[in-house]
Protein backbone atom coordinates (compact mmCIF):
# COMPACT_ATOMS: atom_id res chain seq x y z
CA MET A 1 -55.18 28.84 27.12
CA GLN A 2 -53.74 31.38 24.68
CA ASN A 3 -50.16 32.60 24.54
CA ASN A 4 -49.90 35.64 22.30
CA THR A 5 -46.11 35.92 22.53
CA PRO A 6 -44.69 34.46 19.31
CA ASN A 7 -41.64 32.25 19.35
CA ASN A 8 -39.13 33.27 16.70
CA THR A 9 -36.73 30.96 14.91
CA GLN A 10 -35.00 30.66 11.58
CA VAL A 11 -36.36 27.20 10.72
CA LEU A 12 -39.43 25.42 12.08
CA ILE A 13 -39.57 21.66 11.58
CA VAL A 14 -42.90 19.89 11.88
CA GLY A 15 -42.37 16.20 12.63
CA GLY A 16 -39.87 14.66 15.02
CA SER A 17 -39.16 11.23 13.63
CA LEU A 18 -35.94 10.24 11.83
CA VAL A 19 -36.04 12.87 9.10
CA GLY A 20 -37.20 15.75 11.28
CA LEU A 21 -34.62 14.93 13.94
CA SER A 22 -31.88 14.61 11.33
CA ALA A 23 -32.86 17.99 9.88
CA ALA A 24 -32.71 19.54 13.35
CA LEU A 25 -29.27 17.98 13.90
CA PHE A 26 -27.87 19.11 10.54
CA LEU A 27 -29.22 22.66 10.92
CA SER A 28 -28.20 23.16 14.54
CA SER A 29 -24.72 21.82 13.71
CA ARG A 30 -24.44 24.76 11.32
CA GLY A 31 -25.63 27.23 13.94
CA VAL A 32 -29.09 27.67 12.43
CA SER A 33 -31.78 28.53 14.99
CA THR A 34 -34.25 25.61 14.87
CA ILE A 35 -37.51 24.70 16.60
CA LEU A 36 -38.97 21.23 16.07
CA VAL A 37 -42.52 20.31 17.06
CA GLU A 38 -43.71 16.70 17.28
CA LYS A 39 -47.17 15.70 18.47
CA HIS A 40 -45.94 12.44 19.98
CA ARG A 41 -43.78 12.38 23.10
CA GLY A 42 -41.30 9.76 21.93
CA SER A 43 -40.49 7.13 19.35
CA SER A 44 -43.02 4.67 18.01
CA PRO A 45 -43.07 1.45 20.07
CA HIS A 46 -43.00 -0.48 16.79
CA PRO A 47 -39.65 0.31 15.10
CA ARG A 48 -39.81 0.78 11.36
CA ALA A 49 -36.48 1.50 9.65
CA ILE A 50 -33.55 -0.72 10.52
CA GLY A 51 -30.92 -0.41 7.78
CA PHE A 52 -28.96 2.83 7.45
CA THR A 53 -26.71 3.16 4.45
CA GLU A 54 -23.13 4.28 4.03
CA LEU A 55 -24.34 7.67 2.76
CA THR A 56 -26.49 8.23 5.83
CA LEU A 57 -23.55 7.38 8.07
CA GLU A 58 -21.40 9.78 6.05
CA HIS A 59 -23.88 12.54 6.89
CA TYR A 60 -23.78 11.64 10.56
CA ARG A 61 -19.98 11.44 10.36
CA ALA A 62 -19.96 15.00 8.99
CA VAL A 63 -21.70 16.29 12.14
CA GLY A 64 -19.56 14.19 14.46
CA ILE A 65 -21.94 11.48 15.67
CA ALA A 66 -21.05 8.45 13.55
CA ASP A 67 -19.07 6.95 16.43
CA LEU A 68 -22.26 6.86 18.51
CA ILE A 69 -23.89 4.51 16.00
CA PRO A 70 -22.52 0.96 15.80
CA GLN A 71 -21.61 0.34 12.17
CA ALA A 72 -22.03 -2.93 10.33
CA ARG A 73 -19.21 -5.29 9.48
CA PRO A 74 -17.97 -4.66 5.93
CA ASP A 75 -18.94 -8.19 4.80
CA ILE A 76 -22.45 -8.05 6.24
CA ARG A 77 -25.37 -7.26 3.95
CA LEU A 78 -29.10 -7.70 4.31
CA ARG A 79 -29.90 -11.13 2.84
CA ARG A 80 -33.30 -12.66 2.20
CA ALA A 81 -34.53 -16.18 1.41
CA LYS A 82 -37.78 -17.94 0.62
CA VAL A 83 -38.52 -20.54 3.30
CA GLU A 84 -41.27 -22.86 4.39
CA SER A 85 -40.59 -21.65 7.94
CA LEU A 86 -37.61 -20.44 9.92
CA THR A 87 -36.84 -23.91 11.28
CA GLY A 88 -38.21 -25.80 8.30
CA ARG A 89 -37.14 -26.16 4.68
CA TRP A 90 -35.23 -23.24 3.18
CA GLY A 91 -35.39 -22.40 -0.51
CA GLU A 92 -33.48 -20.01 -2.71
CA GLU A 93 -31.89 -16.76 -1.60
CA THR A 94 -33.36 -13.74 -3.38
CA PRO A 95 -30.99 -10.92 -4.43
CA TRP A 96 -31.85 -7.23 -4.06
CA THR A 97 -30.58 -6.44 -7.56
CA PRO A 98 -30.93 -9.55 -9.76
CA GLY A 99 -27.79 -10.40 -11.70
CA GLN A 100 -25.50 -8.20 -9.62
CA ALA A 101 -23.24 -9.26 -6.78
CA GLU A 102 -23.08 -7.02 -3.73
CA PRO A 103 -19.46 -6.19 -2.83
CA ASP A 104 -18.22 -5.70 0.70
CA LYS A 105 -18.92 -2.30 2.21
CA GLY A 106 -16.26 0.17 3.24
CA GLN A 107 -14.47 0.27 -0.13
CA VAL A 108 -16.06 3.33 -1.74
CA SER A 109 -17.01 4.99 1.55
CA PRO A 110 -15.32 5.53 4.91
CA CYS A 111 -18.51 4.13 6.46
CA THR A 112 -20.15 0.72 6.29
CA GLY A 113 -23.70 1.67 7.25
CA ALA A 114 -25.55 0.52 10.34
CA ALA A 115 -28.19 -1.98 11.35
CA ILE A 116 -29.97 -0.27 14.23
CA ALA A 117 -33.67 -0.09 14.98
CA GLN A 118 -35.29 3.29 14.45
CA ASP A 119 -36.39 3.56 18.07
CA ARG A 120 -32.75 3.09 19.12
CA LEU A 121 -31.39 5.68 16.69
CA GLU A 122 -33.92 8.43 17.34
CA PRO A 123 -32.86 9.03 20.98
CA ILE A 124 -29.27 9.53 19.79
CA LEU A 125 -30.44 12.12 17.25
CA ARG A 126 -32.58 13.90 19.85
CA GLU A 127 -29.76 14.14 22.36
CA GLN A 128 -27.25 15.37 19.79
CA ALA A 129 -29.63 17.94 18.27
CA LEU A 130 -30.38 19.29 21.75
CA HIS A 131 -26.67 19.40 22.54
CA ARG A 132 -26.14 21.60 19.48
CA GLY A 133 -28.89 24.02 20.45
CA ALA A 134 -32.01 22.77 18.67
CA ASP A 135 -35.30 23.45 20.50
CA LEU A 136 -37.22 20.15 20.45
CA ARG A 137 -40.83 20.38 21.62
CA LEU A 138 -42.38 16.95 21.99
CA GLY A 139 -46.09 16.60 22.62
CA VAL A 140 -46.74 19.77 20.59
CA GLU A 141 -48.89 19.65 17.46
CA MET A 142 -49.24 22.16 14.67
CA LEU A 143 -52.81 23.39 14.18
CA SER A 144 -52.32 25.65 11.18
CA PHE A 145 -49.73 27.70 9.33
CA ALA A 146 -49.66 30.66 6.98
CA GLU A 147 -46.91 32.02 4.81
CA THR A 148 -46.23 35.74 5.02
CA LYS A 149 -44.08 38.04 2.93
CA ASP A 150 -40.96 37.34 4.96
CA GLY A 151 -41.65 34.09 6.76
CA VAL A 152 -44.08 31.47 8.02
CA THR A 153 -46.29 31.66 11.10
CA ALA A 154 -47.55 28.41 12.63
CA GLN A 155 -50.11 28.02 15.37
CA VAL A 156 -49.27 25.13 17.68
CA ARG A 157 -50.78 23.53 20.78
CA SER A 158 -49.24 21.64 23.67
CA ARG A 159 -51.01 18.31 24.17
CA ASP A 160 -50.07 18.40 27.85
CA THR A 161 -51.16 21.92 28.87
CA PHE A 162 -53.44 22.71 25.87
CA GLU A 163 -51.58 26.02 25.55
CA ILE A 164 -51.94 27.51 22.07
CA TYR A 165 -49.28 29.85 20.74
CA ASP A 166 -47.61 31.02 17.54
CA ILE A 167 -44.16 30.22 16.20
CA ARG A 168 -42.72 32.53 13.59
CA ALA A 169 -39.99 31.17 11.32
CA ASP A 170 -38.17 32.22 8.19
CA TYR A 171 -38.71 28.76 6.69
CA LEU A 172 -40.75 25.62 7.41
CA ILE A 173 -39.73 21.99 6.86
CA ALA A 174 -42.62 19.54 6.64
CA ALA A 175 -41.41 16.18 7.94
CA ASP A 176 -44.93 15.29 9.01
CA GLY A 177 -45.32 11.90 7.33
CA ALA A 178 -46.95 10.33 4.31
CA ASP A 179 -50.35 11.88 5.07
CA SER A 180 -48.69 15.31 5.54
CA PRO A 181 -51.37 17.91 6.33
CA ILE A 182 -48.85 20.55 5.26
CA ARG A 183 -48.45 19.04 1.79
CA GLU A 184 -52.21 18.69 1.47
CA HIS A 185 -52.73 22.32 2.50
CA LEU A 186 -50.25 23.41 -0.16
CA GLY A 187 -52.14 21.37 -2.77
CA ILE A 188 -49.06 19.50 -3.98
CA GLY A 189 -50.13 16.36 -5.83
CA ARG A 190 -48.38 13.01 -5.95
CA ASP A 191 -47.69 10.40 -8.62
CA GLY A 192 -46.67 6.75 -8.48
CA VAL A 193 -48.14 3.28 -8.18
CA GLY A 194 -50.36 4.55 -5.36
CA PHE A 195 -51.93 2.45 -2.63
CA LEU A 196 -51.23 -1.28 -2.89
CA ARG A 197 -52.35 -2.82 0.39
CA THR A 198 -52.44 -2.44 4.16
CA ILE A 199 -49.98 -4.55 6.13
CA ARG A 200 -50.29 -5.66 9.75
CA SER A 201 -47.40 -6.89 11.85
CA VAL A 202 -46.45 -8.17 15.28
CA LEU A 203 -43.24 -7.40 17.15
CA PHE A 204 -41.90 -10.10 19.48
CA ARG A 205 -38.85 -11.63 21.15
CA CYS A 206 -37.70 -15.21 20.70
CA GLU A 207 -34.20 -16.02 21.89
CA ALA A 208 -34.56 -19.65 20.81
CA ALA A 209 -34.81 -18.51 17.17
CA GLU A 210 -31.46 -16.67 17.20
CA PRO A 211 -29.29 -19.67 16.16
CA TYR A 212 -31.10 -19.80 12.81
CA LEU A 213 -29.45 -16.49 11.89
CA GLU A 214 -25.98 -18.02 11.85
CA ARG A 215 -26.24 -18.78 8.12
CA GLY A 216 -26.30 -15.02 7.44
CA ILE A 217 -29.93 -14.69 6.34
CA GLN A 218 -31.90 -12.06 8.27
CA GLN A 219 -35.13 -11.85 6.26
CA PHE A 220 -37.47 -14.69 5.42
CA GLU A 221 -40.35 -14.89 2.97
CA ILE A 222 -42.67 -17.48 4.52
CA GLU A 223 -44.52 -19.50 1.88
CA GLN A 224 -46.93 -22.21 3.04
CA PRO A 225 -50.26 -23.35 1.64
CA GLY A 226 -52.76 -20.79 2.91
CA PHE A 227 -50.13 -18.78 4.79
CA GLN A 228 -47.78 -16.16 3.38
CA ALA A 229 -45.88 -13.75 5.62
CA PHE A 230 -42.58 -11.98 6.02
CA LEU A 231 -40.26 -12.48 9.00
CA THR A 232 -37.27 -10.29 9.82
CA HIS A 233 -34.91 -9.75 12.72
CA TYR A 234 -33.66 -6.61 14.50
CA PRO A 235 -30.08 -6.67 15.79
CA ASP A 236 -31.26 -5.99 19.36
CA GLY A 237 -33.01 -9.37 19.51
CA ARG A 238 -36.50 -8.42 18.41
CA TRP A 239 -38.35 -10.04 15.53
CA VAL A 240 -41.21 -8.77 13.41
CA LEU A 241 -43.71 -10.86 11.46
CA MET A 242 -45.60 -9.04 8.71
CA PHE A 243 -48.85 -10.42 7.33
CA SER A 244 -50.03 -10.02 3.77
CA ASP A 245 -53.51 -8.93 4.85
CA ASP A 246 -55.27 -6.31 6.97
CA GLU A 247 -56.87 -8.80 9.36
CA GLU A 248 -56.92 -7.95 13.07
CA ARG A 249 -55.75 -10.90 15.15
CA SER A 250 -56.24 -11.80 18.79
CA GLU A 251 -53.25 -12.66 20.99
CA ASP A 252 -53.91 -16.37 20.50
CA GLN A 253 -54.09 -15.90 16.74
CA LEU A 254 -50.86 -13.90 16.76
CA ARG A 255 -49.06 -16.61 18.72
CA SER A 256 -50.42 -19.26 16.36
CA ALA A 257 -49.19 -17.30 13.33
CA ILE A 258 -45.74 -16.84 14.89
CA ARG A 259 -45.52 -20.58 15.61
CA ARG A 260 -46.40 -21.27 12.01
CA ALA A 261 -43.75 -18.85 10.73
CA LEU A 262 -41.11 -20.24 13.09
CA GLY A 263 -42.06 -23.84 12.32
CA GLN A 264 -41.82 -24.82 15.98
CA ASP A 265 -43.50 -23.93 19.26
CA LEU A 266 -40.68 -21.76 20.65
CA PRO A 267 -40.98 -19.46 23.70
CA VAL A 268 -42.20 -16.06 22.48
CA GLU A 269 -42.75 -12.70 24.18
CA LEU A 270 -45.23 -10.45 22.36
CA ILE A 271 -44.30 -6.75 22.42
CA THR A 272 -46.72 -4.82 20.23
CA THR A 273 -48.53 -4.82 16.89
CA GLY A 274 -48.39 -2.44 13.95
CA ARG A 275 -50.32 -1.42 10.86
CA TRP A 276 -48.97 0.42 7.84
CA GLU A 277 -49.77 1.19 4.23
CA MET A 278 -47.78 -0.26 1.34
CA ALA A 279 -47.79 2.45 -1.30
CA GLY A 280 -45.66 4.37 -3.74
CA ARG A 281 -46.31 8.11 -4.04
CA ILE A 282 -43.86 10.89 -4.96
CA ALA A 283 -44.74 14.58 -4.56
CA ARG A 284 -44.64 16.50 -7.82
CA SER A 285 -42.68 19.26 -6.12
CA TYR A 286 -40.75 19.23 -2.84
CA SER A 287 -41.22 22.91 -2.10
CA ARG A 288 -43.57 25.81 -2.40
CA GLY A 289 -42.62 29.28 -1.28
CA ARG A 290 -40.96 29.04 2.12
CA VAL A 291 -42.13 25.49 2.82
CA PHE A 292 -40.12 22.35 2.04
CA LEU A 293 -41.23 18.72 2.08
CA ALA A 294 -38.86 16.07 3.41
CA GLY A 295 -39.07 12.36 4.14
CA ASP A 296 -42.40 10.57 3.75
CA ALA A 297 -44.15 13.89 3.18
CA ALA A 298 -42.21 14.08 -0.09
CA HIS A 299 -41.86 10.39 -1.01
CA GLN A 300 -43.90 7.51 0.36
CA LEU A 301 -42.03 4.25 -0.24
CA PRO A 302 -42.22 0.84 1.45
CA PRO A 303 -39.26 -0.48 3.44
CA THR A 304 -36.63 -1.97 1.16
CA ARG A 305 -33.29 -3.73 1.44
CA GLY A 306 -31.79 -0.71 -0.32
CA GLY A 307 -33.00 1.63 2.40
CA PHE A 308 -35.03 3.72 -0.04
CA GLY A 309 -37.39 5.07 2.63
CA ALA A 310 -35.78 6.64 5.69
CA ASN A 311 -32.35 7.04 4.10
CA THR A 312 -33.78 9.05 1.22
CA GLY A 313 -35.43 11.39 3.72
CA ILE A 314 -32.24 11.84 5.72
CA ASP A 315 -30.45 12.71 2.48
CA ASP A 316 -33.22 15.25 1.75
CA ALA A 317 -32.47 16.95 5.06
CA TYR A 318 -28.72 17.01 4.43
CA ASN A 319 -29.21 18.54 0.98
CA LEU A 320 -31.49 21.25 2.37
CA ALA A 321 -29.58 22.16 5.54
CA TRP A 322 -26.53 23.82 3.95
CA LYS A 323 -28.70 25.70 1.47
CA LEU A 324 -30.90 27.14 4.21
CA ASP A 325 -27.80 28.04 6.21
CA LEU A 326 -26.21 30.02 3.37
CA VAL A 327 -29.45 31.78 2.44
CA LEU A 328 -30.16 32.72 6.06
CA ARG A 329 -26.62 34.10 6.40
CA GLY A 330 -27.06 36.17 3.25
CA VAL A 331 -24.25 34.31 1.47
CA ALA A 332 -26.61 32.86 -1.15
CA SER A 333 -29.68 34.16 -2.88
CA PRO A 334 -33.04 32.54 -2.02
CA ALA A 335 -32.84 31.18 -5.56
CA LEU A 336 -30.47 28.52 -4.18
CA LEU A 337 -33.44 27.02 -2.32
CA ASP A 338 -35.16 26.30 -5.65
CA THR A 339 -32.47 23.70 -6.29
CA TYR A 340 -33.73 21.56 -3.39
CA SER A 341 -36.78 20.30 -5.26
CA ALA A 342 -34.91 20.30 -8.58
CA GLU A 343 -32.29 17.95 -7.13
CA ARG A 344 -34.26 15.80 -4.71
CA GLN A 345 -37.57 15.17 -6.51
CA PRO A 346 -35.95 13.24 -9.40
CA ILE A 347 -34.08 11.13 -6.86
CA GLY A 348 -37.34 10.34 -5.09
CA TRP A 349 -38.87 9.33 -8.41
CA LEU A 350 -35.86 7.20 -9.35
CA ARG A 351 -36.10 5.35 -6.04
CA HIS A 352 -39.81 4.80 -6.62
CA GLN A 353 -39.09 3.23 -9.99
CA GLN A 354 -36.25 1.12 -8.63
CA THR A 355 -38.35 -0.11 -5.70
CA PHE A 356 -41.27 -1.37 -7.73
CA ALA A 357 -39.13 -2.77 -10.54
CA ARG A 358 -37.37 -5.17 -8.15
CA PRO A 359 -38.73 -8.63 -7.27
CA ASP A 360 -39.46 -7.64 -3.65
CA TYR A 361 -42.32 -5.36 -4.73
CA ARG A 362 -42.79 -5.82 -8.47
CA ARG A 363 -45.56 -8.36 -8.04
CA TRP A 364 -47.55 -6.04 -5.76
CA ALA A 365 -47.41 -3.27 -8.38
CA GLY A 366 -48.76 -5.56 -11.08
CA ASP A 367 -45.45 -5.68 -12.93
CA GLN A 368 -45.97 -2.06 -14.07
CA LEU A 369 -42.21 -1.49 -13.98
CA ALA A 370 -40.98 -4.94 -14.96
CA GLY A 371 -38.83 -3.54 -17.78
CA GLU A 372 -37.19 -0.76 -15.77
CA PRO A 373 -33.36 -0.98 -15.89
CA LEU A 374 -31.94 -1.67 -12.44
CA PHE A 375 -28.99 0.09 -10.85
CA GLY A 376 -26.77 -1.67 -8.31
CA ALA A 377 -26.82 -0.88 -4.61
CA GLU A 378 -23.66 1.26 -4.69
CA ALA A 379 -24.89 3.22 -7.69
CA MET A 380 -28.23 3.92 -5.99
CA GLU A 381 -26.74 4.90 -2.66
CA LEU A 382 -23.40 6.52 -3.49
CA GLY A 383 -23.64 7.22 -7.22
CA GLN A 384 -26.85 9.16 -7.75
CA ARG A 385 -26.41 12.37 -9.72
CA VAL A 386 -28.17 15.68 -9.06
CA SER A 387 -28.80 18.36 -11.65
CA SER A 388 -29.68 21.99 -10.95
CA THR A 389 -28.31 25.51 -11.23
CA ALA A 390 -26.16 24.66 -8.18
CA VAL A 391 -24.17 22.28 -10.40
CA ILE A 392 -22.17 23.46 -13.41
CA SER A 393 -21.72 20.80 -16.04
CA ASN A 394 -21.69 20.68 -19.82
CA ASP A 395 -22.30 16.93 -19.90
CA GLU A 396 -25.76 15.90 -21.06
CA ASP A 397 -27.62 12.62 -21.36
CA LEU A 398 -25.86 11.10 -18.36
CA PRO A 399 -27.57 8.29 -16.45
CA PRO A 400 -29.25 9.23 -13.16
CA ALA A 401 -26.95 6.86 -11.25
CA ALA A 402 -23.75 4.89 -11.72
CA HIS A 403 -21.12 3.21 -9.59
CA PRO A 404 -19.24 6.03 -7.81
CA ASP A 405 -15.92 4.99 -9.38
CA ILE A 406 -17.38 5.69 -12.82
CA TRP A 407 -18.23 9.32 -12.02
CA ALA A 408 -14.63 10.22 -10.98
CA GLY A 409 -15.38 13.83 -10.07
CA GLN A 410 -18.35 14.36 -12.40
CA PRO A 411 -20.22 17.55 -11.34
CA GLY A 412 -23.51 16.59 -9.72
CA ALA A 413 -22.12 13.37 -8.24
CA ARG A 414 -20.87 12.77 -4.71
CA ALA A 415 -17.16 13.48 -4.42
CA PRO A 416 -15.06 10.30 -4.47
CA HIS A 417 -13.84 8.76 -1.22
CA VAL A 418 -10.06 8.33 -0.99
CA TRP A 419 -7.93 7.93 2.12
CA ILE A 420 -5.58 10.93 2.11
CA SER A 421 -3.03 12.64 4.32
CA PHE A 422 -4.19 16.07 5.45
CA ASP A 423 -1.85 18.12 7.66
CA GLY A 424 -0.26 14.84 8.70
CA ARG A 425 -3.53 13.11 9.60
CA THR A 426 -5.19 10.27 7.70
CA LEU A 427 -8.66 11.30 6.61
CA SER A 428 -11.21 10.50 3.97
CA THR A 429 -11.52 13.10 1.24
CA LEU A 430 -15.16 13.36 2.37
CA ASP A 431 -14.01 14.67 5.74
CA LEU A 432 -12.86 17.83 3.96
CA PHE A 433 -16.30 18.56 2.52
CA SER A 434 -18.56 18.68 5.58
CA GLN A 435 -18.91 22.40 6.29
CA ASP A 436 -17.83 24.87 3.58
CA PHE A 437 -17.18 24.93 -0.14
CA VAL A 438 -13.77 23.45 -0.89
CA LEU A 439 -11.54 24.12 -3.89
CA LEU A 440 -8.89 21.47 -4.55
CA SER A 441 -6.02 22.00 -6.98
CA PRO A 442 -2.31 21.28 -7.35
CA ASP A 443 -1.96 24.59 -9.23
CA VAL A 444 -1.15 27.70 -7.17
CA ARG A 445 -3.08 29.88 -9.66
CA TRP A 446 -6.33 28.14 -8.76
CA ILE A 447 -5.50 28.30 -5.05
CA ASN A 448 -4.90 32.04 -5.31
CA ALA A 449 -8.13 32.39 -7.28
CA GLY A 450 -10.01 30.59 -4.53
CA LEU A 451 -8.58 32.89 -1.87
CA ALA A 452 -9.56 35.93 -3.94
CA VAL A 453 -13.12 34.71 -4.57
CA ALA A 454 -13.64 33.86 -0.90
CA ARG A 455 -12.55 37.38 0.01
CA ASP A 456 -14.30 39.32 -2.76
CA LEU A 457 -17.62 37.44 -2.66
CA ASP A 458 -17.47 36.88 1.12
CA VAL A 459 -18.27 33.18 0.75
CA PRO A 460 -17.19 30.23 2.94
CA LEU A 461 -14.68 28.76 0.50
CA ARG A 462 -11.57 26.86 1.58
CA SER A 463 -8.75 26.50 -0.93
CA ILE A 464 -6.57 23.44 -0.33
CA ALA A 465 -3.34 22.89 -2.25
CA VAL A 466 -2.96 19.30 -3.42
CA GLY A 467 0.57 18.04 -2.82
CA GLN A 468 1.09 20.40 0.09
CA ARG A 469 -1.61 20.31 2.79
CA VAL A 470 -3.33 17.31 1.26
CA CYS A 471 -1.55 14.33 -0.30
CA PHE A 472 -3.26 11.63 -2.32
CA PRO A 473 -1.87 8.06 -2.47
CA GLU A 474 0.19 7.07 -5.50
CA ASP A 475 -2.46 4.68 -6.79
CA ARG A 476 -5.28 7.23 -6.36
CA SER A 477 -3.87 10.54 -7.53
CA PHE A 478 -5.93 13.71 -7.38
CA GLU A 479 -5.87 13.94 -11.17
CA ALA A 480 -7.20 10.40 -11.66
CA THR A 481 -9.72 10.70 -8.82
CA PHE A 482 -11.36 13.86 -10.18
CA THR A 483 -10.49 13.47 -13.91
CA VAL A 484 -8.54 16.72 -14.23
CA SER A 485 -4.98 17.61 -15.16
CA SER A 486 -2.30 18.83 -12.77
CA GLN A 487 -3.34 22.37 -13.78
CA GLY A 488 -7.01 21.64 -13.05
CA ALA A 489 -9.28 22.26 -10.08
CA CYS A 490 -12.41 20.87 -8.49
CA LEU A 491 -15.03 22.70 -6.41
CA ILE A 492 -17.04 20.65 -3.91
CA ARG A 493 -20.22 21.84 -2.19
CA PRO A 494 -20.80 21.73 1.58
CA ASP A 495 -22.84 18.53 1.11
CA GLY A 496 -19.94 16.71 -0.58
CA VAL A 497 -21.36 17.00 -4.12
CA VAL A 498 -19.01 18.12 -6.90
CA ALA A 499 -20.26 21.52 -8.04
CA TRP A 500 -17.79 22.35 -10.82
CA ARG A 501 -14.39 21.39 -12.16
CA ALA A 502 -11.78 22.83 -14.49
CA PHE A 503 -9.88 20.21 -16.48
CA GLY A 504 -6.83 22.43 -16.87
CA SER A 505 -5.50 25.97 -16.67
CA ASP A 506 -7.61 29.04 -17.39
CA ALA A 507 -6.68 32.46 -18.79
CA ASP A 508 -8.35 34.14 -15.81
CA PRO A 509 -8.96 31.54 -13.07
CA THR A 510 -10.33 34.12 -10.63
CA LEU A 511 -12.97 35.32 -13.08
CA SER A 512 -13.91 31.75 -14.05
CA LEU A 513 -14.26 30.65 -10.45
CA CYS A 514 -16.13 33.82 -9.50
CA ARG A 515 -18.70 33.27 -12.24
CA SER A 516 -19.15 29.63 -11.25
CA MET A 517 -19.55 30.41 -7.57
CA SER A 518 -22.02 33.20 -8.30
CA GLN A 519 -24.19 30.86 -10.36
CA ILE A 520 -24.12 28.14 -7.72
CA LEU A 521 -25.16 30.60 -5.00
CA GLY A 522 -27.95 32.03 -7.15
CA ARG A 523 -26.39 35.48 -7.31
CA LYS A 524 -27.05 37.61 -10.36
């Protein structure tokens, strides 16, 4: 059946898992017309991601849904130990970053992250994206696409009715997985350690095993003569056992393996099995023309305690959403979209290197990255630095990541979190940076410059006077937080990244700010 009436939208997303749904949520929250197509009709019965970082929850907080996701206790972190079996002899605990302690969460972020199974989170994202106007089409697969002079046309087919029709969009986001047909069609190559092995797993319930979690360990490396496996627990009561081989097992064999991993014959309910590829591959570019790669299509990474898989993809979507919004509104030049790959591809590569340099995966990669310097969890999640024409900085030779307190307002880094008073309400500084550009300064000359630039360039720029509308605590002054003087200013992007700062006064603050804003937006 052929439908020759095209469907028009500003952004078409192909792929409706975590990253695609997050992209639809972020875009629709900004009023961007969005259609998402996903060939499956719901979430995978075998949940994959489970740990969602503080940064991911900050993104969800920015669009008003963080309260729908139960956040972790500040003192809870994902801990792992080597054991003979769950109920047998336990050995040493293995750290995520050797030699570094993991501090409590909630100190450098208003969020603490969340431990929620992917198939529990995805329905929340679907509902909220729909509520904000996104058009989600489940059971619809893309057959082909072609880029035109002023957009992208995709041919899609309903798997229920077999109806074939076209969707015309200004831009296309490929969130279609590690095997991404869109990336392959574009001919974008990938680098990395490549394929390592295929892993099989079984998902099950076992209430009798729950008491063994009381010591705070949630992940277990099972090491027995002739039997190595990995056992982990989901907060909703499910367990998953991952095998180190690609052997298909019968139900009896699965139950036998579970008994061996548990160390006792406990009552078990089998749910489903899974099969996935352990690999490390990073696309050489995250965009081509009007098409952008996000999530596994851009960076294939195994699940890690640092959340380097799904969380990286969600951050991709957040980085891209505000840029597409401003370009589609005519506020920014299309050149702004070039900064997506420039900023996100190095982060994908850094996370690849960090994943396979750590003990969890180093042995599978043949110790290729054994000498790679390791960054702590807070540096990797909240202290990564981006570099592009959408960031104005004269500092060179800076590390790709550092603890967020070290950056202190460094352009290219996430703006620092401080609890402030804003119009009489207690907020995080990050709550100010969720929609528009924001200029912060105690100096009225910079505030007036911001008002003039917003008017003259017709850009969404809010100027907030420090010490008047917003008050910083005595022990975390604005000047110390952003490393500027009381005559200085700081410009923060709509994604919470510091775009530019002035350490002090300027002979012509309006001209200086105008030039900076024009560069960031890609205007000539």
